[in-house]
N, C-alpha and C. Protein backbone atom coordinates (compact mmCIF):
# COMPACT_ATOMS: atom_id res chain seq x y z
N ARG A 1 95.75 106.50 122.08
CA ARG A 1 96.49 105.26 122.18
C ARG A 1 95.57 104.05 122.04
N ARG A 2 94.42 104.12 122.67
CA ARG A 2 93.49 103.01 122.58
C ARG A 2 93.05 102.76 121.13
N GLN A 3 92.79 103.83 120.39
CA GLN A 3 92.39 103.70 119.00
C GLN A 3 93.51 103.05 118.18
N ARG A 4 94.75 103.39 118.48
CA ARG A 4 95.88 102.81 117.76
C ARG A 4 95.96 101.30 118.01
N GLN A 5 95.73 100.88 119.28
CA GLN A 5 95.74 99.45 119.58
C GLN A 5 94.64 98.73 118.81
N MET A 6 93.48 99.34 118.73
CA MET A 6 92.40 98.72 117.97
C MET A 6 92.79 98.59 116.51
N CYS A 7 93.47 99.58 115.98
CA CYS A 7 93.89 99.52 114.58
C CYS A 7 94.87 98.38 114.35
N ILE A 8 95.77 98.17 115.28
CA ILE A 8 96.72 97.07 115.17
C ILE A 8 95.98 95.74 115.24
N ARG A 9 95.04 95.63 116.17
CA ARG A 9 94.25 94.41 116.31
C ARG A 9 93.42 94.18 115.04
N ASP A 10 92.81 95.24 114.55
CA ASP A 10 92.02 95.13 113.32
C ASP A 10 92.89 94.71 112.14
N ARG A 11 94.10 95.26 112.05
CA ARG A 11 95.02 94.92 110.97
C ARG A 11 95.38 93.44 111.03
N ARG A 12 95.63 92.95 112.24
CA ARG A 12 95.95 91.52 112.38
C ARG A 12 94.77 90.65 111.97
N GLU A 13 93.58 91.07 112.39
CA GLU A 13 92.38 90.32 112.01
C GLU A 13 92.21 90.34 110.49
N LEU A 14 92.37 91.50 109.89
CA LEU A 14 92.25 91.64 108.44
C LEU A 14 93.28 90.78 107.73
N ASP A 15 94.49 90.77 108.22
CA ASP A 15 95.56 89.96 107.61
C ASP A 15 95.25 88.46 107.68
N GLY A 16 94.53 88.04 108.72
CA GLY A 16 94.21 86.62 108.89
C GLY A 16 92.98 86.16 108.14
N LEU A 17 92.15 87.10 107.71
CA LEU A 17 90.89 86.72 107.06
C LEU A 17 91.07 85.96 105.74
N PRO A 18 91.97 86.34 104.85
CA PRO A 18 92.09 85.57 103.59
C PRO A 18 92.39 84.08 103.82
N GLY A 19 93.26 83.78 104.77
CA GLY A 19 93.58 82.38 105.07
C GLY A 19 92.39 81.65 105.65
N ARG A 20 91.66 82.33 106.53
CA ARG A 20 90.47 81.73 107.14
C ARG A 20 89.40 81.47 106.07
N ILE A 21 89.20 82.43 105.20
CA ILE A 21 88.22 82.28 104.12
C ILE A 21 88.61 81.14 103.20
N GLU A 22 89.88 81.06 102.86
CA GLU A 22 90.36 79.98 101.99
C GLU A 22 90.10 78.62 102.62
N SER A 23 90.37 78.51 103.90
CA SER A 23 90.15 77.26 104.62
C SER A 23 88.67 76.89 104.63
N LEU A 24 87.81 77.86 104.91
CA LEU A 24 86.37 77.61 104.93
C LEU A 24 85.84 77.24 103.55
N GLU A 25 86.33 77.92 102.52
CA GLU A 25 85.89 77.60 101.16
C GLU A 25 86.31 76.19 100.76
N SER A 26 87.49 75.78 101.19
CA SER A 26 87.96 74.44 100.90
C SER A 26 87.08 73.41 101.61
N GLU A 27 86.78 73.66 102.88
CA GLU A 27 85.91 72.75 103.62
C GLU A 27 84.52 72.70 102.99
N GLN A 28 84.01 73.86 102.58
CA GLN A 28 82.71 73.92 101.94
C GLN A 28 82.69 73.08 100.67
N SER A 29 83.72 73.18 99.87
CA SER A 29 83.81 72.38 98.63
C SER A 29 83.82 70.89 98.93
N GLU A 30 84.59 70.51 99.94
CA GLU A 30 84.65 69.10 100.33
C GLU A 30 83.29 68.60 100.79
N LEU A 31 82.62 69.40 101.62
CA LEU A 31 81.30 69.01 102.12
C LEU A 31 80.28 68.93 100.98
N GLN A 32 80.35 69.85 100.05
CA GLN A 32 79.44 69.81 98.90
C GLN A 32 79.68 68.57 98.06
N ALA A 33 80.94 68.18 97.91
CA ALA A 33 81.25 66.97 97.16
C ALA A 33 80.69 65.74 97.88
N VAL A 34 80.81 65.73 99.19
CA VAL A 34 80.29 64.61 99.99
C VAL A 34 78.77 64.51 99.83
N THR A 35 78.09 65.65 99.94
CA THR A 35 76.63 65.63 99.86
C THR A 35 76.13 65.35 98.45
N SER A 36 76.96 65.57 97.46
CA SER A 36 76.58 65.30 96.06
C SER A 36 76.73 63.83 95.70
N ASP A 37 77.45 63.10 96.51
CA ASP A 37 77.66 61.67 96.26
C ASP A 37 76.31 60.95 96.34
N PRO A 38 76.03 60.08 95.37
CA PRO A 38 74.74 59.37 95.37
C PRO A 38 74.48 58.56 96.65
N GLY A 39 75.51 58.09 97.29
CA GLY A 39 75.34 57.28 98.49
C GLY A 39 75.21 58.09 99.77
N PHE A 40 75.34 59.39 99.67
CA PHE A 40 75.31 60.23 100.88
C PHE A 40 74.04 60.00 101.70
N TYR A 41 72.90 59.99 101.06
CA TYR A 41 71.64 59.87 101.79
C TYR A 41 71.29 58.43 102.16
N GLN A 42 72.19 57.51 101.88
CA GLN A 42 71.98 56.12 102.27
C GLN A 42 72.66 55.79 103.59
N GLN A 43 73.40 56.74 104.15
CA GLN A 43 74.04 56.51 105.45
C GLN A 43 73.05 56.84 106.57
N ASP A 44 73.49 56.64 107.82
CA ASP A 44 72.56 56.88 108.92
C ASP A 44 72.21 58.36 109.05
N GLN A 45 71.04 58.59 109.60
CA GLN A 45 70.47 59.93 109.68
C GLN A 45 71.35 60.90 110.46
N GLU A 46 72.00 60.43 111.52
CA GLU A 46 72.86 61.31 112.32
C GLU A 46 74.02 61.86 111.50
N ALA A 47 74.63 61.03 110.69
CA ALA A 47 75.75 61.46 109.84
C ALA A 47 75.27 62.47 108.81
N ILE A 48 74.12 62.22 108.23
CA ILE A 48 73.56 63.14 107.25
C ILE A 48 73.29 64.49 107.89
N THR A 49 72.63 64.46 109.04
CA THR A 49 72.28 65.70 109.75
C THR A 49 73.53 66.48 110.15
N ALA A 50 74.53 65.78 110.66
CA ALA A 50 75.76 66.45 111.09
C ALA A 50 76.48 67.09 109.90
N THR A 51 76.55 66.40 108.79
CA THR A 51 77.22 66.94 107.60
C THR A 51 76.48 68.16 107.07
N LEU A 52 75.16 68.06 106.98
CA LEU A 52 74.38 69.19 106.48
C LEU A 52 74.44 70.39 107.42
N ALA A 53 74.47 70.12 108.73
CA ALA A 53 74.58 71.20 109.71
C ALA A 53 75.93 71.89 109.60
N ARG A 54 76.98 71.11 109.39
CA ARG A 54 78.31 71.70 109.24
C ARG A 54 78.39 72.52 107.97
N LEU A 55 77.80 72.04 106.90
CA LEU A 55 77.78 72.78 105.64
C LEU A 55 77.07 74.12 105.82
N GLU A 56 75.98 74.13 106.54
CA GLU A 56 75.25 75.36 106.81
C GLU A 56 76.07 76.31 107.70
N ALA A 57 76.76 75.75 108.70
CA ALA A 57 77.59 76.55 109.60
C ALA A 57 78.76 77.18 108.85
N VAL A 58 79.37 76.42 107.97
CA VAL A 58 80.49 76.94 107.18
C VAL A 58 80.02 78.08 106.29
N ALA A 59 78.87 77.92 105.67
CA ALA A 59 78.33 78.98 104.80
C ALA A 59 78.08 80.25 105.61
N ALA A 60 77.53 80.10 106.80
CA ALA A 60 77.26 81.26 107.66
C ALA A 60 78.56 81.92 108.10
N GLU A 61 79.55 81.11 108.45
CA GLU A 61 80.84 81.66 108.87
C GLU A 61 81.54 82.38 107.72
N LEU A 62 81.45 81.82 106.53
CA LEU A 62 82.02 82.49 105.35
C LEU A 62 81.37 83.85 105.13
N GLU A 63 80.07 83.89 105.23
CA GLU A 63 79.34 85.14 105.06
C GLU A 63 79.80 86.17 106.10
N ALA A 64 79.97 85.72 107.33
CA ALA A 64 80.42 86.61 108.40
C ALA A 64 81.84 87.10 108.14
N CYS A 65 82.70 86.22 107.65
CA CYS A 65 84.09 86.62 107.35
C CYS A 65 84.13 87.66 106.24
N TYR A 66 83.35 87.46 105.19
CA TYR A 66 83.32 88.43 104.11
C TYR A 66 82.77 89.78 104.59
N ALA A 67 81.75 89.74 105.42
CA ALA A 67 81.18 90.98 105.96
C ALA A 67 82.20 91.70 106.85
N ARG A 68 82.90 90.93 107.66
CA ARG A 68 83.91 91.52 108.54
C ARG A 68 85.04 92.13 107.72
N TRP A 69 85.47 91.43 106.68
CA TRP A 69 86.53 91.92 105.80
C TRP A 69 86.13 93.26 105.20
N GLU A 70 84.88 93.33 104.71
CA GLU A 70 84.38 94.56 104.13
C GLU A 70 84.38 95.69 105.17
N THR A 71 83.98 95.38 106.37
CA THR A 71 83.95 96.38 107.45
C THR A 71 85.36 96.87 107.78
N LEU A 72 86.29 95.96 107.89
CA LEU A 72 87.66 96.33 108.26
C LEU A 72 88.34 97.14 107.17
N GLU A 73 88.01 96.87 105.92
CA GLU A 73 88.64 97.61 104.83
C GLU A 73 88.04 99.01 104.65
N ALA A 74 86.84 99.21 105.20
CA ALA A 74 86.17 100.52 105.06
C ALA A 74 86.82 101.59 105.92
């Protein structure tokens, strides 16, 4: 019974991953567009640092989501 519950939980997680990945990819594209703007590095250092940190976090989260998806499908 416990294994069956895990399967249901895993199925729900797997079903939610495409939407999560899509959302993260969209945010990543927006952040990349922001950082590509010529004026990006002319703003204050805190804003630059926060944007670059978020871009890095999104990339790491995307990688984790893809790895989890691969694990769940195996």
